[in-house]
PDB file of N, CA and C in Angstrom:
ATOM      1  N   MET A   1      -0.884   1.096 -18.877  1.00  0.00           N
ATOM      2  CA  MET A   1      -0.680  -0.022 -19.734  1.00  0.00           C
ATOM      3  C   MET A   1      -1.657   0.035 -20.890  1.00  0.00           C
ATOM      4  N   SER A   2      -1.161  -0.221 -22.045  1.00  0.00           N
ATOM      5  CA  SER A   2      -2.094  -0.258 -23.160  1.00  0.00           C
ATOM      6  C   SER A   2      -2.760  -1.625 -23.183  1.00  0.00           C
ATOM      7  N   GLY A   3      -3.986  -1.647 -23.576  1.00  0.00           N
ATOM      8  CA  GLY A   3      -4.698  -2.916 -23.642  1.00  0.00           C
ATOM      9  C   GLY A   3      -5.059  -3.428 -22.256  1.00  0.00           C
ATOM     10  N   ASP A   4      -5.490  -4.670 -22.223  1.00  0.00           N
ATOM     11  CA  ASP A   4      -5.880  -5.296 -20.968  1.00  0.00           C
ATOM     12  C   ASP A   4      -4.761  -6.219 -20.536  1.00  0.00           C
ATOM     13  N   SER A   5      -4.124  -5.918 -19.419  1.00  0.00           N
ATOM     14  CA  SER A   5      -2.961  -6.692 -18.994  1.00  0.00           C
ATOM     15  C   SER A   5      -3.324  -7.978 -18.279  1.00  0.00           C
ATOM     16  N   TRP A   6      -4.578  -8.222 -18.053  1.00  0.00           N
ATOM     17  CA  TRP A   6      -4.995  -9.401 -17.302  1.00  0.00           C
ATOM     18  C   TRP A   6      -5.782 -10.307 -18.221  1.00  0.00           C
ATOM     19  N   GLY A   7      -5.421 -11.551 -18.215  1.00  0.00           N
ATOM     20  CA  GLY A   7      -6.088 -12.520 -19.077  1.00  0.00           C
ATOM     21  C   GLY A   7      -7.533 -12.721 -18.676  1.00  0.00           C
ATOM     22  N   GLN A   8      -8.377 -12.804 -19.641  1.00  0.00           N
ATOM     23  CA  GLN A   8      -9.790 -13.043 -19.407  1.00  0.00           C
ATOM     24  C   GLN A   8     -10.189 -14.289 -20.171  1.00  0.00           C
ATOM     25  N   SER A   9     -10.909 -15.173 -19.537  1.00  0.00           N
ATOM     26  CA  SER A   9     -11.398 -16.358 -20.218  1.00  0.00           C
ATOM     27  C   SER A   9     -12.549 -15.953 -21.122  1.00  0.00           C
ATOM     28  N   THR A  10     -12.555 -16.466 -22.339  1.00  0.00           N
ATOM     29  CA  THR A  10     -13.622 -16.132 -23.265  1.00  0.00           C
ATOM     30  C   THR A  10     -14.737 -17.161 -23.243  1.00  0.00           C
ATOM     31  N   LYS A  11     -14.607 -18.191 -22.432  1.00  0.00           N
ATOM     32  CA  LYS A  11     -15.645 -19.207 -22.331  1.00  0.00           C
ATOM     33  C   LYS A  11     -16.865 -18.619 -21.620  1.00  0.00           C
ATOM     34  N   GLN A  12     -18.034 -18.884 -22.184  1.00  0.00           N
ATOM     35  CA  GLN A  12     -19.268 -18.438 -21.552  1.00  0.00           C
ATOM     36  C   GLN A  12     -19.732 -19.525 -20.581  1.00  0.00           C
ATOM     37  N   GLN A  13     -19.943 -19.136 -19.344  1.00  0.00           N
ATOM     38  CA  GLN A  13     -20.423 -20.078 -18.353  1.00  0.00           C
ATOM     39  C   GLN A  13     -21.631 -19.481 -17.659  1.00  0.00           C
ATOM     40  N   THR A  14     -22.548 -20.349 -17.266  1.00  0.00           N
ATOM     41  CA  THR A  14     -23.688 -19.902 -16.489  1.00  0.00           C
ATOM     42  C   THR A  14     -23.260 -19.880 -15.026  1.00  0.00           C
ATOM     43  N   LEU A  15     -23.420 -18.728 -14.401  1.00  0.00           N
ATOM     44  CA  LEU A  15     -23.023 -18.579 -13.002  1.00  0.00           C
ATOM     45  C   LEU A  15     -24.140 -19.054 -12.085  1.00  0.00           C
ATOM     46  N   THR A  16     -23.744 -19.697 -11.009  1.00  0.00           N
ATOM     47  CA  THR A  16     -24.709 -20.086  -9.991  1.00  0.00           C
ATOM     48  C   THR A  16     -25.113 -18.826  -9.224  1.00  0.00           C
ATOM     49  N   PRO A  17     -26.215 -18.878  -8.479  1.00  0.00           N
ATOM     50  CA  PRO A  17     -26.589 -17.709  -7.675  1.00  0.00           C
ATOM     51  C   PRO A  17     -25.459 -17.264  -6.732  1.00  0.00           C
ATOM     52  N   LYS A  18     -24.758 -18.238  -6.130  1.00  0.00           N
ATOM     53  CA  LYS A  18     -23.664 -17.892  -5.223  1.00  0.00           C
ATOM     54  C   LYS A  18     -22.536 -17.193  -5.991  1.00  0.00           C
ATOM     55  N   GLN A  19     -22.204 -17.700  -7.176  1.00  0.00           N
ATOM     56  CA  GLN A  19     -21.154 -17.089  -7.977  1.00  0.00           C
ATOM     57  C   GLN A  19     -21.542 -15.672  -8.402  1.00  0.00           C
ATOM     58  N   ARG A  20     -22.806 -15.470  -8.747  1.00  0.00           N
ATOM     59  CA  ARG A  20     -23.275 -14.120  -9.116  1.00  0.00           C
ATOM     60  C   ARG A  20     -23.123 -13.166  -7.931  1.00  0.00           C
ATOM     61  N   GLN A  21     -23.323 -13.676  -6.732  1.00  0.00           N
ATOM     62  CA  GLN A  21     -23.181 -12.865  -5.525  1.00  0.00           C
ATOM     63  C   GLN A  21     -21.707 -12.540  -5.265  1.00  0.00           C
ATOM     64  N   GLU A  22     -20.829 -13.505  -5.530  1.00  0.00           N
ATOM     65  CA  GLU A  22     -19.401 -13.333  -5.260  1.00  0.00           C
ATOM     66  C   GLU A  22     -18.679 -12.536  -6.344  1.00  0.00           C
ATOM     67  N   PHE A  23     -19.194 -12.551  -7.560  1.00  0.00           N
ATOM     68  CA  PHE A  23     -18.513 -11.918  -8.683  1.00  0.00           C
ATOM     69  C   PHE A  23     -18.137 -10.457  -8.434  1.00  0.00           C
ATOM     70  N   PRO A  24     -19.043  -9.617  -7.917  1.00  0.00           N
ATOM     71  CA  PRO A  24     -18.657  -8.213  -7.697  1.00  0.00           C
ATOM     72  C   PRO A  24     -17.489  -8.056  -6.716  1.00  0.00           C
ATOM     73  N   ILE A  25     -17.412  -8.921  -5.723  1.00  0.00           N
ATOM     74  CA  ILE A  25     -16.316  -8.857  -4.744  1.00  0.00           C
ATOM     75  C   ILE A  25     -14.990  -9.187  -5.433  1.00  0.00           C
ATOM     76  N   ILE A  26     -14.993 -10.253  -6.210  1.00  0.00           N
ATOM     77  CA  ILE A  26     -13.781 -10.666  -6.914  1.00  0.00           C
ATOM     78  C   ILE A  26     -13.397  -9.621  -7.955  1.00  0.00           C
ATOM     79  N   ASN A  27     -14.373  -9.115  -8.688  1.00  0.00           N
ATOM     80  CA  ASN A  27     -14.107  -8.116  -9.716  1.00  0.00           C
ATOM     81  C   ASN A  27     -13.522  -6.843  -9.117  1.00  0.00           C
ATOM     82  N   GLN A  28     -14.080  -6.380  -8.007  1.00  0.00           N
ATOM     83  CA  GLN A  28     -13.576  -5.173  -7.350  1.00  0.00           C
ATOM     84  C   GLN A  28     -12.126  -5.372  -6.901  1.00  0.00           C
ATOM     85  N   TRP A  29     -11.830  -6.530  -6.327  1.00  0.00           N
ATOM     86  CA  TRP A  29     -10.464  -6.829  -5.907  1.00  0.00           C
ATOM     87  C   TRP A  29      -9.536  -6.844  -7.116  1.00  0.00           C
ATOM     88  N   ALA A  30      -9.947  -7.503  -8.201  1.00  0.00           N
ATOM     89  CA  ALA A  30      -9.108  -7.617  -9.396  1.00  0.00           C
ATOM     90  C   ALA A  30      -8.793  -6.248  -9.987  1.00  0.00           C
ATOM     91  N   VAL A  31      -9.775  -5.372 -10.024  1.00  0.00           N
ATOM     92  CA  VAL A  31      -9.554  -4.023 -10.553  1.00  0.00           C
ATOM     93  C   VAL A  31      -8.542  -3.270  -9.690  1.00  0.00           C
ATOM     94  N   LYS A  32      -8.690  -3.343  -8.379  1.00  0.00           N
ATOM     95  CA  LYS A  32      -7.748  -2.657  -7.477  1.00  0.00           C
ATOM     96  C   LYS A  32      -6.343  -3.233  -7.588  1.00  0.00           C
ATOM     97  N   PHE A  33      -6.237  -4.555  -7.676  1.00  0.00           N
ATOM     98  CA  PHE A  33      -4.931  -5.205  -7.792  1.00  0.00           C
ATOM     99  C   PHE A  33      -4.266  -4.784  -9.102  1.00  0.00           C
ATOM    100  N   LYS A  34      -5.031  -4.827 -10.183  1.00  0.00           N
ATOM    101  CA  LYS A  34      -4.532  -4.449 -11.507  1.00  0.00           C
ATOM    102  C   LYS A  34      -4.043  -3.008 -11.501  1.00  0.00           C
ATOM    103  N   GLU A  35      -4.823  -2.099 -10.946  1.00  0.00           N
ATOM    104  CA  GLU A  35      -4.432  -0.683 -10.900  1.00  0.00           C
ATOM    105  C   GLU A  35      -3.150  -0.492 -10.093  1.00  0.00           C
ATOM    106  N   ALA A  36      -3.027  -1.211  -8.982  1.00  0.00           N
ATOM    107  CA  ALA A  36      -1.829  -1.086  -8.144  1.00  0.00           C
ATOM    108  C   ALA A  36      -0.586  -1.536  -8.898  1.00  0.00           C
ATOM    109  N   VAL A  37      -0.680  -2.662  -9.587  1.00  0.00           N
ATOM    110  CA  VAL A  37       0.475  -3.176 -10.329  1.00  0.00           C
ATOM    111  C   VAL A  37       0.774  -2.277 -11.530  1.00  0.00           C
ATOM    112  N   GLU A  38      -0.250  -1.875 -12.256  1.00  0.00           N
ATOM    113  CA  GLU A  38      -0.033  -1.008 -13.421  1.00  0.00           C
ATOM    114  C   GLU A  38       0.619   0.310 -13.043  1.00  0.00           C
ATOM    115  N   SER A  39       0.324   0.812 -11.845  1.00  0.00           N
ATOM    116  CA  SER A  39       0.921   2.080 -11.422  1.00  0.00           C
ATOM    117  C   SER A  39       2.426   1.957 -11.210  1.00  0.00           C
ATOM    118  N   ARG A  40       2.909   0.723 -11.104  1.00  0.00           N
ATOM    119  CA  ARG A  40       4.343   0.465 -10.934  1.00  0.00           C
ATOM    120  C   ARG A  40       4.951  -0.218 -12.160  1.00  0.00           C
ATOM    121  N   PHE A  41       4.222  -0.163 -13.285  1.00  0.00           N
ATOM    122  CA  PHE A  41       4.640  -0.829 -14.517  1.00  0.00           C
ATOM    123  C   PHE A  41       4.476   0.143 -15.687  1.00  0.00           C
ATOM    124  N   PRO A  42       5.275   1.230 -15.692  1.00  0.00           N
ATOM    125  CA  PRO A  42       5.051   2.306 -16.660  1.00  0.00           C
ATOM    126  C   PRO A  42       5.390   1.957 -18.110  1.00  0.00           C
ATOM    127  N   TYR A  43       6.177   0.935 -18.343  1.00  0.00           N
ATOM    128  CA  TYR A  43       6.605   0.639 -19.710  1.00  0.00           C
ATOM    129  C   TYR A  43       6.007  -0.652 -20.251  1.00  0.00           C
ATOM    130  N   ALA A  44       4.827  -1.004 -19.810  1.00  0.00           N
ATOM    131  CA  ALA A  44       4.189  -2.248 -20.242  1.00  0.00           C
ATOM    132  C   ALA A  44       3.975  -2.283 -21.754  1.00  0.00           C
ATOM    133  N   SER A  45       3.794  -1.132 -22.357  1.00  0.00           N
ATOM    134  CA  SER A  45       3.544  -1.102 -23.802  1.00  0.00           C
ATOM    135  C   SER A  45       4.711  -1.678 -24.603  1.00  0.00           C
ATOM    136  N   ARG A  46       5.879  -1.755 -24.013  1.00  0.00           N
ATOM    137  CA  ARG A  46       7.027  -2.365 -24.690  1.00  0.00           C
ATOM    138  C   ARG A  46       6.807  -3.851 -24.960  1.00  0.00           C
ATOM    139  N   TYR A  47       5.870  -4.447 -24.233  1.00  0.00           N
ATOM    140  CA  TYR A  47       5.665  -5.890 -24.298  1.00  0.00           C
ATOM    141  C   TYR A  47       4.360  -6.289 -24.983  1.00  0.00           C
ATOM    142  N   VAL A  48       3.778  -5.389 -25.767  1.00  0.00           N
ATOM    143  CA  VAL A  48       2.534  -5.702 -26.457  1.00  0.00           C
ATOM    144  C   VAL A  48       2.738  -6.950 -27.311  1.00  0.00           C
ATOM    145  N   GLY A  49       1.825  -7.884 -27.191  1.00  0.00           N
ATOM    146  CA  GLY A  49       1.903  -9.135 -27.930  1.00  0.00           C
ATOM    147  C   GLY A  49       2.550 -10.268 -27.141  1.00  0.00           C
ATOM    148  N   ASP A  50       3.243  -9.933 -26.061  1.00  0.00           N
ATOM    149  CA  ASP A  50       3.865 -10.948 -25.210  1.00  0.00           C
ATOM    150  C   ASP A  50       2.906 -11.328 -24.087  1.00  0.00           C
ATOM    151  N   THR A  51       3.170 -12.456 -23.461  1.00  0.00           N
ATOM    152  CA  THR A  51       2.364 -12.899 -22.324  1.00  0.00           C
ATOM    153  C   THR A  51       3.270 -13.422 -21.217  1.00  0.00           C
ATOM    154  N   CYS A  52       2.724 -13.431 -20.019  1.00  0.00           N
ATOM    155  CA  CYS A  52       3.437 -13.966 -18.865  1.00  0.00           C
ATOM    156  C   CYS A  52       2.412 -14.373 -17.809  1.00  0.00           C
ATOM    157  N   THR A  53       2.625 -15.533 -17.210  1.00  0.00           N
ATOM    158  CA  THR A  53       1.798 -15.985 -16.094  1.00  0.00           C
ATOM    159  C   THR A  53       2.694 -16.119 -14.870  1.00  0.00           C
ATOM    160  N   ILE A  54       2.264 -15.482 -13.791  1.00  0.00           N
ATOM    161  CA  ILE A  54       3.009 -15.508 -12.534  1.00  0.00           C
ATOM    162  C   ILE A  54       2.079 -16.020 -11.444  1.00  0.00           C
ATOM    163  N   ARG A  55       2.560 -16.941 -10.645  1.00  0.00           N
ATOM    164  CA  ARG A  55       1.792 -17.454  -9.499  1.00  0.00           C
ATOM    165  C   ARG A  55       2.243 -16.684  -8.270  1.00  0.00           C
ATOM    166  N   VAL A  56       1.275 -16.094  -7.577  1.00  0.00           N
ATOM    167  CA  VAL A  56       1.537 -15.189  -6.459  1.00  0.00           C
ATOM    168  C   VAL A  56       0.972 -15.769  -5.170  1.00  0.00           C
ATOM    169  N   HIS A  57       1.708 -15.599  -4.076  1.00  0.00           N
ATOM    170  CA  HIS A  57       1.217 -15.983  -2.754  1.00  0.00           C
ATOM    171  C   HIS A  57       1.128 -14.719  -1.893  1.00  0.00           C
ATOM    172  N   GLN A  58      -0.096 -14.409  -1.483  1.00  0.00           N
ATOM    173  CA  GLN A  58      -0.362 -13.244  -0.642  1.00  0.00           C
ATOM    174  C   GLN A  58      -1.138 -13.722   0.587  1.00  0.00           C
ATOM    175  N   PRO A  59      -0.481 -13.781   1.747  1.00  0.00           N
ATOM    176  CA  PRO A  59      -1.161 -14.266   2.951  1.00  0.00           C
ATOM    177  C   PRO A  59      -2.395 -13.430   3.310  1.00  0.00           C
ATOM    178  N   LYS A  60      -3.376 -14.101   3.865  1.00  0.00           N
ATOM    179  CA  LYS A  60      -4.603 -13.422   4.308  1.00  0.00           C
ATOM    180  C   LYS A  60      -4.272 -12.328   5.308  1.00  0.00           C
ATOM    181  N   GLY A  61      -5.014 -11.230   5.199  1.00  0.00           N
ATOM    182  CA  GLY A  61      -4.875 -10.145   6.159  1.00  0.00           C
ATOM    183  C   GLY A  61      -3.687  -9.231   5.925  1.00  0.00           C
ATOM    184  N   THR A  62      -3.015  -9.389   4.788  1.00  0.00           N
ATOM    185  CA  THR A  62      -1.878  -8.519   4.492  1.00  0.00           C
ATOM    186  C   THR A  62      -1.959  -8.052   3.042  1.00  0.00           C
ATOM    187  N   ASN A  63      -1.368  -6.894   2.782  1.00  0.00           N
ATOM    188  CA  ASN A  63      -1.316  -6.403   1.410  1.00  0.00           C
ATOM    189  C   ASN A  63       0.082  -6.590   0.824  1.00  0.00           C
ATOM    190  N   LYS A  64       0.803  -7.547   1.374  1.00  0.00           N
ATOM    191  CA  LYS A  64       2.165  -7.847   0.926  1.00  0.00           C
ATOM    192  C   LYS A  64       2.224  -9.216   0.262  1.00  0.00           C
ATOM    193  N   ILE A  65       3.009  -9.304  -0.789  1.00  0.00           N
ATOM    194  CA  ILE A  65       3.252 -10.574  -1.460  1.00  0.00           C
ATOM    195  C   ILE A  65       4.337 -11.317  -0.695  1.00  0.00           C
ATOM    196  N   ASN A  66       4.064 -12.559  -0.378  1.00  0.00           N
ATOM    197  CA  ASN A  66       4.998 -13.390   0.366  1.00  0.00           C
ATOM    198  C   ASN A  66       5.970 -14.103  -0.576  1.00  0.00           C
ATOM    199  N   ASN A  67       5.451 -14.534  -1.726  1.00  0.00           N
ATOM    200  CA  ASN A  67       6.249 -15.310  -2.654  1.00  0.00           C
ATOM    201  C   ASN A  67       5.591 -15.234  -4.023  1.00  0.00           C
ATOM    202  N   MET A  68       6.378 -15.376  -5.083  1.00  0.00           N
ATOM    203  CA  MET A  68       5.828 -15.486  -6.425  1.00  0.00           C
ATOM    204  C   MET A  68       6.836 -16.185  -7.310  1.00  0.00           C
ATOM    205  N   HIS A  69       6.322 -16.835  -8.337  1.00  0.00           N
ATOM    206  CA  HIS A  69       7.213 -17.469  -9.309  1.00  0.00           C
ATOM    207  C   HIS A  69       6.575 -17.437 -10.693  1.00  0.00           C
ATOM    208  N   VAL A  70       7.424 -17.337 -11.674  1.00  0.00           N
ATOM    209  CA  VAL A  70       6.979 -17.310 -13.063  1.00  0.00           C
ATOM    210  C   VAL A  70       6.577 -18.722 -13.470  1.00  0.00           C
ATOM    211  N   VAL A  71       5.400 -18.835 -14.051  1.00  0.00           N
ATOM    212  CA  VAL A  71       4.911 -20.111 -14.543  1.00  0.00           C
ATOM    213  C   VAL A  71       5.361 -20.295 -15.995  1.00  0.00           C
ATOM    214  N   GLU A  72       5.136 -19.270 -16.804  1.00  0.00           N
ATOM    215  CA  GLU A  72       5.536 -19.316 -18.207  1.00  0.00           C
ATOM    216  C   GLU A  72       5.416 -17.925 -18.808  1.00  0.00           C
ATOM    217  N   GLY A  73       6.093 -17.737 -19.941  1.00  0.00           N
ATOM    218  CA  GLY A  73       5.949 -16.495 -20.676  1.00  0.00           C
ATOM    219  C   GLY A  73       7.262 -15.895 -21.118  1.00  0.00           C
ATOM    220  N   ASN A  74       7.148 -14.732 -21.740  1.00  0.00           N
ATOM    221  CA  ASN A  74       8.299 -13.993 -22.223  1.00  0.00           C
ATOM    222  C   ASN A  74       9.177 -13.591 -21.040  1.00  0.00           C
ATOM    223  N   PRO A  75      10.449 -13.979 -21.032  1.00  0.00           N
ATOM    224  CA  PRO A  75      11.312 -13.707 -19.879  1.00  0.00           C
ATOM    225  C   PRO A  75      11.430 -12.224 -19.510  1.00  0.00           C
ATOM    226  N   GLU A  76      11.519 -11.355 -20.508  1.00  0.00           N
ATOM    227  CA  GLU A  76      11.655  -9.928 -20.205  1.00  0.00           C
ATOM    228  C   GLU A  76      10.369  -9.354 -19.620  1.00  0.00           C
ATOM    229  N   LEU A  77       9.225  -9.722 -20.186  1.00  0.00           N
ATOM    230  CA  LEU A  77       7.943  -9.283 -19.632  1.00  0.00           C
ATOM    231  C   LEU A  77       7.783  -9.820 -18.218  1.00  0.00           C
ATOM    232  N   CYS A  78       8.097 -11.087 -18.018  1.00  0.00           N
ATOM    233  CA  CYS A  78       7.946 -11.692 -16.694  1.00  0.00           C
ATOM    234  C   CYS A  78       8.827 -10.986 -15.662  1.00  0.00           C
ATOM    235  N   LYS A  79      10.060 -10.674 -16.049  1.00  0.00           N
ATOM    236  CA  LYS A  79      10.960  -9.975 -15.135  1.00  0.00           C
ATOM    237  C   LYS A  79      10.384  -8.608 -14.758  1.00  0.00           C
ATOM    238  N   ALA A  80       9.878  -7.873 -15.748  1.00  0.00           N
ATOM    239  CA  ALA A  80       9.292  -6.554 -15.490  1.00  0.00           C
ATOM    240  C   ALA A  80       8.017  -6.669 -14.657  1.00  0.00           C
ATOM    241  N   ALA A  81       7.202  -7.686 -14.925  1.00  0.00           N
ATOM    242  CA  ALA A  81       5.957  -7.878 -14.175  1.00  0.00           C
ATOM    243  C   ALA A  81       6.241  -8.234 -12.720  1.00  0.00           C
ATOM    244  N   VAL A  82       7.210  -9.113 -12.493  1.00  0.00           N
ATOM    245  CA  VAL A  82       7.595  -9.468 -11.120  1.00  0.00           C
ATOM    246  C   VAL A  82       8.053  -8.217 -10.373  1.00  0.00           C
ATOM    247  N   LYS A  83       8.841  -7.395 -11.039  1.00  0.00           N
ATOM    248  CA  LYS A  83       9.320  -6.161 -10.402  1.00  0.00           C
ATOM    249  C   LYS A  83       8.150  -5.230 -10.067  1.00  0.00           C
ATOM    250  N   ALA A  84       7.193  -5.096 -10.980  1.00  0.00           N
ATOM    251  CA  ALA A  84       6.037  -4.234 -10.733  1.00  0.00           C
ATOM    252  C   ALA A  84       5.184  -4.755  -9.576  1.00  0.00           C
ATOM    253  N   ILE A  85       4.966  -6.067  -9.529  1.00  0.00           N
ATOM    254  CA  ILE A  85       4.190  -6.660  -8.436  1.00  0.00           C
ATOM    255  C   ILE A  85       4.912  -6.441  -7.107  1.00  0.00           C
ATOM    256  N   GLN A  86       6.218  -6.714  -7.089  1.00  0.00           N
ATOM    257  CA  GLN A  86       6.981  -6.571  -5.854  1.00  0.00           C
ATOM    258  C   GLN A  86       6.990  -5.126  -5.377  1.00  0.00           C
ATOM    259  N   THR A  87       7.137  -4.186  -6.306  1.00  0.00           N
ATOM    260  CA  THR A  87       7.143  -2.766  -5.938  1.00  0.00           C
ATOM    261  C   THR A  87       5.783  -2.342  -5.385  1.00  0.00           C
ATOM    262  N   ALA A  88       4.706  -2.781  -6.038  1.00  0.00           N
ATOM    263  CA  ALA A  88       3.360  -2.470  -5.532  1.00  0.00           C
ATOM    264  C   ALA A  88       3.165  -3.065  -4.143  1.00  0.00           C
ATOM    265  N   SER A  89       3.692  -4.268  -3.931  1.00  0.00           N
ATOM    266  CA  SER A  89       3.614  -4.907  -2.615  1.00  0.00           C
ATOM    267  C   SER A  89       4.424  -4.122  -1.585  1.00  0.00           C
ATOM    268  N   ASP A  90       5.670  -3.814  -1.931  1.00  0.00           N
ATOM    269  CA  ASP A  90       6.546  -3.078  -1.003  1.00  0.00           C
ATOM    270  C   ASP A  90       5.965  -1.713  -0.641  1.00  0.00           C
ATOM    271  N   ASP A  91       5.266  -1.097  -1.591  1.00  0.00           N
ATOM    272  CA  ASP A  91       4.675   0.221  -1.356  1.00  0.00           C
ATOM    273  C   ASP A  91       3.323   0.146  -0.644  1.00  0.00           C
ATOM    274  N   GLY A  92       2.861  -1.069  -0.339  1.00  0.00           N
ATOM    275  CA  GLY A  92       1.594  -1.243   0.387  1.00  0.00           C
ATOM    276  C   GLY A  92       0.365  -0.912  -0.436  1.00  0.00           C
ATOM    277  N   LEU A  93       0.452  -1.055  -1.758  1.00  0.00           N
ATOM    278  CA  LEU A  93      -0.655  -0.666  -2.630  1.00  0.00           C
ATOM    279  C   LEU A  93      -1.653  -1.786  -2.927  1.00  0.00           C
ATOM    280  N   LEU A  94      -1.274  -3.024  -2.677  1.00  0.00           N
ATOM    281  CA  LEU A  94      -2.135  -4.141  -3.043  1.00  0.00           C
ATOM    282  C   LEU A  94      -3.319  -4.274  -2.087  1.00  0.00           C
ATOM    283  N   PRO A  95      -4.490  -4.574  -2.635  1.00  0.00           N
ATOM    284  CA  PRO A  95      -5.655  -4.783  -1.765  1.00  0.00           C
ATOM    285  C   PRO A  95      -5.547  -6.136  -1.060  1.00  0.00           C
ATOM    286  N   LEU A  96      -6.230  -6.259   0.055  1.00  0.00           N
ATOM    287  CA  LEU A  96      -6.309  -7.545   0.739  1.00  0.00           C
ATOM    288  C   LEU A  96      -7.039  -8.528  -0.172  1.00  0.00           C
ATOM    289  N   THR A  97      -6.568  -9.756  -0.198  1.00  0.00           N
ATOM    290  CA  THR A  97      -7.179 -10.766  -1.048  1.00  0.00           C
ATOM    291  C   THR A  97      -8.447 -11.307  -0.392  1.00  0.00           C
ATOM    292  N   PRO A  98      -9.560 -11.306  -1.120  1.00  0.00           N
ATOM    293  CA  PRO A  98     -10.793 -11.850  -0.534  1.00  0.00           C
ATOM    294  C   PRO A  98     -10.672 -13.349  -0.300  1.00  0.00           C
ATOM    295  N   ASP A  99     -11.408 -13.851   0.678  1.00  0.00           N
ATOM    296  CA  ASP A  99     -11.393 -15.277   0.997  1.00  0.00           C
ATOM    297  C   ASP A  99     -11.726 -16.130  -0.226  1.00  0.00           C
ATOM    298  N   LEU A 100     -12.549 -15.596  -1.113  1.00  0.00           N
ATOM    299  CA  LEU A 100     -12.970 -16.338  -2.294  1.00  0.00           C
ATOM    300  C   LEU A 100     -11.813 -16.650  -3.231  1.00  0.00           C
ATOM    301  N   ILE A 101     -10.757 -15.876  -3.178  1.00  0.00           N
ATOM    302  CA  ILE A 101      -9.607 -16.045  -4.069  1.00  0.00           C
ATOM    303  C   ILE A 101      -8.621 -17.055  -3.489  1.00  0.00           C
ATOM    304  N   GLY A 102      -8.390 -17.011  -2.222  1.00  0.00           N
ATOM    305  CA  GLY A 102      -7.373 -17.850  -1.608  1.00  0.00           C
ATOM    306  C   GLY A 102      -6.055 -17.096  -1.526  1.00  0.00           C
ATOM    307  N   GLU A 103      -5.067 -17.703  -0.902  1.00  0.00           N
ATOM    308  CA  GLU A 103      -3.782 -17.035  -0.698  1.00  0.00           C
ATOM    309  C   GLU A 103      -2.852 -17.141  -1.900  1.00  0.00           C
ATOM    310  N   GLU A 104      -3.102 -18.096  -2.787  1.00  0.00           N
ATOM    311  CA  GLU A 104      -2.237 -18.255  -3.943  1.00  0.00           C
ATOM    312  C   GLU A 104      -3.098 -18.208  -5.204  1.00  0.00           C
ATOM    313  N   PHE A 105      -2.646 -17.437  -6.186  1.00  0.00           N
ATOM    314  CA  PHE A 105      -3.433 -17.254  -7.392  1.00  0.00           C
ATOM    315  C   PHE A 105      -2.519 -16.893  -8.557  1.00  0.00           C
ATOM    316  N   PRO A 106      -2.966 -17.203  -9.783  1.00  0.00           N
ATOM    317  CA  PRO A 106      -2.181 -16.846 -10.960  1.00  0.00           C
ATOM    318  C   PRO A 106      -2.545 -15.445 -11.459  1.00  0.00           C
ATOM    319  N   LEU A 107      -1.573 -14.781 -12.030  1.00  0.00           N
ATOM    320  CA  LEU A 107      -1.784 -13.508 -12.699  1.00  0.00           C
ATOM    321  C   LEU A 107      -1.300 -13.652 -14.132  1.00  0.00           C
ATOM    322  N   ASP A 108      -2.148 -13.305 -15.083  1.00  0.00           N
ATOM    323  CA  ASP A 108      -1.795 -13.356 -16.491  1.00  0.00           C
ATOM    324  C   ASP A 108      -1.570 -11.936 -16.997  1.00  0.00           C
ATOM    325  N   PHE A 109      -0.390 -11.699 -17.529  1.00  0.00           N
ATOM    326  CA  PHE A 109      -0.046 -10.397 -18.098  1.00  0.00           C
ATOM    327  C   PHE A 109      -0.071 -10.511 -19.604  1.00  0.00           C
ATOM    328  N   LYS A 110      -0.867  -9.639 -20.234  1.00  0.00           N
ATOM    329  CA  LYS A 110      -0.992  -9.608 -21.692  1.00  0.00           C
ATOM    330  C   LYS A 110      -1.129  -8.150 -22.136  1.00  0.00           C
ATOM    331  N   PRO A 111      -0.027  -7.407 -22.086  1.00  0.00           N
ATOM    332  CA  PRO A 111      -0.133  -5.979 -22.471  1.00  0.00           C
ATOM    333  C   PRO A 111      -0.547  -5.809 -23.920  1.00  0.00           C
TER     334      PRO A 111
END
């Protein structure tokens, strides 16, 4: 994928000591999740400039997506992103979600 496909908040916040401790765990998970989805999303560059937010449910202890729904965004990008997430899930490529994330979380696609 060209560019960064995951939305990043540009707000500067001071992290608590606990958050600083948890950040590497969340970051490592996010990188693995992103790589897994990108490996099943070969034509993301077609959607440069578009955005899509998808809410995903991944039960604890599994690398499979249980449910997901589009929150908002470009319909074609969202359709392709859902397919990439589902394929990565079906292929067993997704990392287990850390307890810090929870079972349901949003994914922002911004190729």
